[in-house]
N, C-alpha and C. Protein backbone atom coordinates (compact mmCIF):
# COMPACT_ATOMS: atom_id res chain seq x y z
N MET A 1 93.00 94.99 93.69
CA MET A 1 93.54 93.88 95.20
C MET A 1 94.54 94.98 95.68
N GLN A 2 94.30 94.68 97.19
CA GLN A 2 95.06 95.72 97.63
C GLN A 2 96.76 94.67 98.44
N LYS A 3 97.83 95.80 98.48
CA LYS A 3 99.43 95.47 98.58
C LYS A 3 99.11 95.19 99.88
N ILE A 4 98.81 95.63 101.05
CA ILE A 4 98.63 95.27 102.44
C ILE A 4 97.27 94.78 102.90
N ARG A 5 97.20 93.32 103.16
CA ARG A 5 96.07 92.87 104.02
C ARG A 5 95.92 92.58 105.15
N LYS A 6 95.01 91.91 105.62
CA LYS A 6 94.58 91.67 107.33
C LYS A 6 95.71 90.41 107.06
N GLY A 7 96.38 90.27 108.48
CA GLY A 7 97.05 88.85 108.33
C GLY A 7 98.34 89.58 108.10
N ASP A 8 98.88 90.16 107.30
CA ASP A 8 100.15 90.00 106.94
C ASP A 8 100.87 90.37 107.82
N LYS A 9 102.56 89.90 107.48
CA LYS A 9 103.08 90.31 108.62
C LYS A 9 104.11 91.51 107.97
N VAL A 10 104.34 92.87 108.71
CA VAL A 10 105.00 93.95 108.27
C VAL A 10 106.03 94.41 109.29
N VAL A 11 106.76 95.09 108.29
CA VAL A 11 107.78 95.55 109.08
C VAL A 11 107.81 97.41 109.25
N VAL A 12 107.99 98.05 110.21
CA VAL A 12 107.53 99.88 110.11
C VAL A 12 108.58 100.00 109.65
N LEU A 13 108.91 101.09 108.29
CA LEU A 13 110.12 101.80 107.83
C LEU A 13 110.60 103.32 108.64
N THR A 14 109.74 103.90 108.98
CA THR A 14 109.93 105.14 109.77
C THR A 14 109.07 105.45 111.13
N GLY A 15 109.11 106.51 112.00
CA GLY A 15 109.08 106.79 113.36
C GLY A 15 109.38 106.05 114.36
N LYS A 16 108.68 106.16 115.46
CA LYS A 16 108.85 105.61 117.18
C LYS A 16 109.21 104.34 117.26
N ASP A 17 108.87 103.77 116.37
CA ASP A 17 108.61 101.98 116.23
C ASP A 17 109.11 101.34 115.25
N LYS A 18 110.59 102.11 114.39
CA LYS A 18 110.93 101.56 112.92
C LYS A 18 111.71 100.10 113.71
N GLY A 19 111.72 99.57 112.50
CA GLY A 19 112.50 97.93 112.45
C GLY A 19 111.74 97.38 113.25
N ARG A 20 110.33 97.47 113.86
CA ARG A 20 110.03 96.74 114.57
C ARG A 20 108.63 95.64 113.60
N THR A 21 108.65 94.72 114.13
CA THR A 21 107.23 93.87 112.88
C THR A 21 106.31 93.75 113.65
N GLY A 22 105.49 93.64 113.17
CA GLY A 22 103.65 93.11 113.71
C GLY A 22 102.60 92.08 112.45
N GLU A 23 101.81 91.89 112.82
CA GLU A 23 100.84 91.39 112.16
C GLU A 23 99.47 92.32 112.03
N VAL A 24 99.04 92.41 111.06
CA VAL A 24 98.61 93.25 110.76
C VAL A 24 96.95 92.90 110.85
N ILE A 25 96.27 94.20 111.83
CA ILE A 25 95.02 93.50 112.45
C ILE A 25 93.71 93.93 111.62
N GLN A 26 94.17 95.25 111.14
CA GLN A 26 92.92 95.58 110.01
C GLN A 26 93.78 96.81 109.14
N VAL A 27 92.85 96.46 108.17
CA VAL A 27 93.35 97.75 107.03
C VAL A 27 92.16 98.36 106.91
N MET A 28 92.46 99.77 106.63
CA MET A 28 91.69 101.00 106.32
C MET A 28 91.28 101.76 105.01
N PRO A 29 91.28 101.30 104.01
CA PRO A 29 91.87 101.59 102.49
C PRO A 29 91.19 103.14 102.29
N LYS A 30 90.26 103.41 102.51
CA LYS A 30 89.81 104.68 102.44
C LYS A 30 90.82 105.91 103.03
N GLU A 31 91.34 105.58 104.68
CA GLU A 31 92.01 106.22 105.05
C GLU A 31 93.49 105.97 105.02
N ASP A 32 93.67 105.14 103.94
CA ASP A 32 95.21 104.72 103.83
C ASP A 32 95.53 104.07 105.17
N ARG A 33 95.43 103.87 106.08
CA ARG A 33 96.24 103.33 107.00
C ARG A 33 95.53 101.51 107.68
N ALA A 34 96.09 101.20 108.72
CA ALA A 34 96.46 99.91 108.90
C ALA A 34 96.77 99.70 110.82
N VAL A 35 96.17 98.97 111.64
CA VAL A 35 96.42 98.87 112.40
C VAL A 35 97.10 97.63 112.69
N VAL A 36 98.40 97.88 113.34
CA VAL A 36 99.75 96.42 113.24
C VAL A 36 99.79 96.22 114.98
N ARG A 37 99.77 94.82 115.24
CA ARG A 37 99.82 94.22 116.13
C ARG A 37 100.45 94.66 117.09
N GLY A 38 101.11 95.10 118.40
CA GLY A 38 102.21 95.86 119.09
C GLY A 38 102.88 96.80 118.45
N VAL A 39 102.53 97.89 117.52
CA VAL A 39 103.28 98.99 117.18
C VAL A 39 102.18 99.83 117.29
N ASN A 40 102.59 101.18 117.72
CA ASN A 40 101.67 102.57 117.58
C ASN A 40 100.98 102.28 118.74
N VAL A 41 101.47 101.95 119.92
CA VAL A 41 100.54 101.40 121.21
C VAL A 41 100.61 103.17 121.78
N VAL A 42 99.25 103.25 122.33
CA VAL A 42 99.45 104.37 122.71
C VAL A 42 98.43 104.29 124.16
N LYS A 43 98.34 105.02 125.34
CA LYS A 43 97.66 104.95 126.31
C LYS A 43 95.91 106.14 125.78
N ARG A 44 95.52 105.24 126.51
CA ARG A 44 94.13 106.03 126.28
C ARG A 44 93.37 105.77 127.21
N HIS A 45 92.05 106.54 128.07
CA HIS A 45 91.81 106.72 129.56
C HIS A 45 89.92 106.11 128.99
N GLN A 46 89.99 104.92 129.33
CA GLN A 46 88.52 104.22 129.47
C GLN A 46 87.80 104.37 130.47
N ARG A 47 86.56 105.06 129.84
CA ARG A 47 85.42 104.90 131.10
C ARG A 47 84.60 103.52 131.73
N GLN A 48 84.04 103.63 132.34
CA GLN A 48 83.89 102.15 132.83
C GLN A 48 82.11 102.00 132.39
N THR A 49 82.30 100.64 131.76
CA THR A 49 80.98 100.53 130.84
C THR A 49 80.52 99.11 131.85
N GLN A 50 79.24 98.69 131.32
CA GLN A 50 79.03 97.25 132.31
C GLN A 50 79.84 95.92 131.72
N ASN A 51 80.96 95.99 131.26
CA ASN A 51 81.59 94.91 130.98
C ASN A 51 83.23 94.86 130.67
N GLN A 52 83.28 96.81 130.91
CA GLN A 52 84.73 96.90 130.83
C GLN A 52 85.73 97.65 132.13
N GLU A 53 85.95 97.60 133.02
CA GLU A 53 86.45 98.63 134.02
C GLU A 53 87.13 99.75 133.61
N ALA A 54 86.93 100.96 134.41
CA ALA A 54 87.70 102.07 134.41
C ALA A 54 88.99 101.87 134.21
N GLY A 55 89.75 102.94 133.92
CA GLY A 55 91.05 103.41 133.93
C GLY A 55 91.74 103.46 132.28
N ILE A 56 93.29 103.16 132.49
CA ILE A 56 94.18 103.42 131.39
C ILE A 56 94.53 102.20 130.76
N ILE A 57 94.18 102.07 129.56
CA ILE A 57 94.43 101.09 128.42
C ILE A 57 95.25 101.92 127.78
N SER A 58 95.83 100.14 127.19
CA SER A 58 96.85 100.61 125.74
C SER A 58 96.57 100.02 124.76
N LYS A 59 96.32 100.52 123.40
CA LYS A 59 95.70 99.95 122.41
C LYS A 59 96.30 100.66 121.62
N GLU A 60 96.33 100.09 120.04
CA GLU A 60 97.17 100.06 118.86
C GLU A 60 96.21 101.51 118.42
N ALA A 61 97.52 101.90 117.70
CA ALA A 61 96.97 103.30 116.75
C ALA A 61 96.56 102.87 115.23
N PRO A 62 96.32 103.43 115.03
CA PRO A 62 96.28 103.00 112.79
C PRO A 62 97.06 103.88 112.89
N ILE A 63 98.41 103.27 111.72
CA ILE A 63 99.78 103.80 111.16
C ILE A 63 99.44 103.57 109.51
N HIS A 64 100.28 104.93 108.86
CA HIS A 64 100.17 105.23 107.71
C HIS A 64 100.72 103.85 106.44
N LEU A 65 100.20 103.85 105.53
CA LEU A 65 100.16 102.88 104.68
C LEU A 65 101.54 102.54 104.38
N SER A 66 101.95 103.95 103.91
CA SER A 66 103.45 104.17 103.39
C SER A 66 104.67 103.69 104.55
N ASN A 67 104.18 104.16 105.64
CA ASN A 67 105.21 103.56 106.70
C ASN A 67 105.02 102.24 106.99
N ILE A 68 104.99 101.12 106.65
CA ILE A 68 105.05 100.09 106.61
C ILE A 68 104.87 99.35 105.35
N ALA A 69 106.19 97.99 105.97
CA ALA A 69 106.49 97.25 104.32
C ALA A 69 106.30 96.12 104.81
N ILE A 70 105.46 95.22 104.18
CA ILE A 70 105.25 93.53 103.94
C ILE A 70 106.60 93.45 104.29
N ALA A 71 106.91 91.77 104.98
CA ALA A 71 108.15 91.44 105.50
C ALA A 71 108.60 90.27 104.26
N ASP A 72 109.19 90.37 103.98
CA ASP A 72 109.62 88.97 102.66
C ASP A 72 109.61 87.96 103.50
N PRO A 73 108.99 87.23 102.56
CA PRO A 73 108.58 85.26 103.14
C PRO A 73 110.17 84.74 103.27
N LYS A 74 110.89 85.02 102.51
CA LYS A 74 112.63 84.32 102.81
C LYS A 74 112.86 85.00 103.92
N ASP A 75 113.98 86.11 103.91
CA ASP A 75 114.95 86.39 105.04
C ASP A 75 113.97 88.05 105.78
N GLY A 76 112.62 87.57 105.57
CA GLY A 76 111.96 88.72 106.76
C GLY A 76 112.12 90.39 106.60
N LYS A 77 112.90 90.98 105.94
CA LYS A 77 113.30 92.03 105.20
C LYS A 77 112.14 92.98 104.36
N PRO A 78 112.18 94.30 104.73
CA PRO A 78 111.30 94.90 104.44
C PRO A 78 110.86 94.53 102.53
N THR A 79 109.84 94.56 102.12
CA THR A 79 109.84 94.19 100.54
C THR A 79 108.14 95.18 99.80
N ARG A 80 108.71 95.37 98.83
CA ARG A 80 107.58 96.52 98.02
C ARG A 80 106.51 94.59 97.40
N VAL A 81 106.10 95.12 96.82
CA VAL A 81 105.15 94.21 96.30
C VAL A 81 104.35 94.05 94.93
N GLY A 82 104.41 92.78 93.86
CA GLY A 82 104.17 93.22 93.27
C GLY A 82 102.79 92.20 92.76
N PHE A 83 102.43 92.03 91.34
CA PHE A 83 101.56 91.42 91.36
C PHE A 83 101.68 90.51 89.95
N LYS A 84 101.53 89.02 90.12
CA LYS A 84 101.88 88.27 88.99
C LYS A 84 100.47 87.33 88.63
N ILE A 85 100.23 87.01 87.48
CA ILE A 85 99.16 85.60 86.68
C ILE A 85 99.56 84.64 87.17
N ASP A 86 99.07 83.80 88.09
CA ASP A 86 99.40 82.29 88.17
C ASP A 86 98.42 81.28 87.54
N GLY A 87 98.47 81.26 86.57
CA GLY A 87 97.30 80.20 86.20
C GLY A 87 95.93 81.13 86.15
N GLU A 88 94.92 80.52 86.94
CA GLU A 88 94.10 82.07 87.09
C GLU A 88 93.70 82.54 87.68
N LYS A 89 94.50 83.11 88.91
CA LYS A 89 94.35 83.91 89.79
C LYS A 89 95.81 85.05 89.47
N LYS A 90 95.21 85.95 90.53
CA LYS A 90 96.10 87.06 90.68
C LYS A 90 97.05 86.98 92.32
N VAL A 91 98.66 86.43 91.79
CA VAL A 91 98.95 86.79 93.53
C VAL A 91 100.21 88.01 93.31
N ARG A 92 100.23 87.89 95.39
CA ARG A 92 101.20 88.86 95.20
C ARG A 92 102.42 88.49 95.00
N VAL A 93 103.38 88.92 94.70
CA VAL A 93 104.90 88.55 94.75
C VAL A 93 105.66 89.42 95.18
N ALA A 94 106.76 89.18 96.62
CA ALA A 94 108.11 89.95 96.80
C ALA A 94 109.00 90.60 95.73
N LYS A 95 109.08 91.58 95.44
CA LYS A 95 110.02 92.18 94.62
C LYS A 95 111.74 91.97 94.93
N ARG A 96 111.75 91.73 96.18
CA ARG A 96 112.67 91.26 96.60
C ARG A 96 113.72 89.89 95.89
N SER A 97 112.43 88.51 96.31
CA SER A 97 112.50 87.54 96.55
C SER A 97 112.54 86.83 95.27
N GLY A 98 111.26 87.45 95.06
CA GLY A 98 109.97 86.66 93.82
C GLY A 98 109.22 85.83 94.35
N GLU A 99 109.46 85.49 95.90
CA GLU A 99 108.73 84.45 96.52
C GLU A 99 107.08 84.90 96.38
N VAL A 100 105.98 84.14 96.52
CA VAL A 100 104.51 84.35 96.82
C VAL A 100 104.25 84.88 97.60
N ILE A 101 103.47 86.08 98.30
CA ILE A 101 103.36 85.95 99.31
C ILE A 101 101.97 85.27 99.86
N ASP A 102 101.62 84.87 100.60
CA ASP A 102 100.00 83.90 100.84
C ASP A 102 99.33 85.01 101.34
N GLY A 103 98.27 84.31 101.57
CA GLY A 103 97.35 85.42 101.81
C GLY A 103 95.65 85.15 101.27
């Protein structure tokens, strides 16, 4: 089970976007990276295709998993993730508040 999954609210810990929060769009476990909405935005040249115009577009680049942390469900501050057996299920738990992380 992964600690950071698609749809999680995360906080950026380091880099040019330090302190910003966003939702995880995609996780790439083999590369240890994730794409977060509105974070690490880069400009790229786009060639014209049938359904897309040419020009310079902005898109999110992947960010390393070590540079992001789950936002605590209680107060939104960065927290580490632990696991707990809840009945028959294994659930993710915020170390900061002890709250169960939905997902």
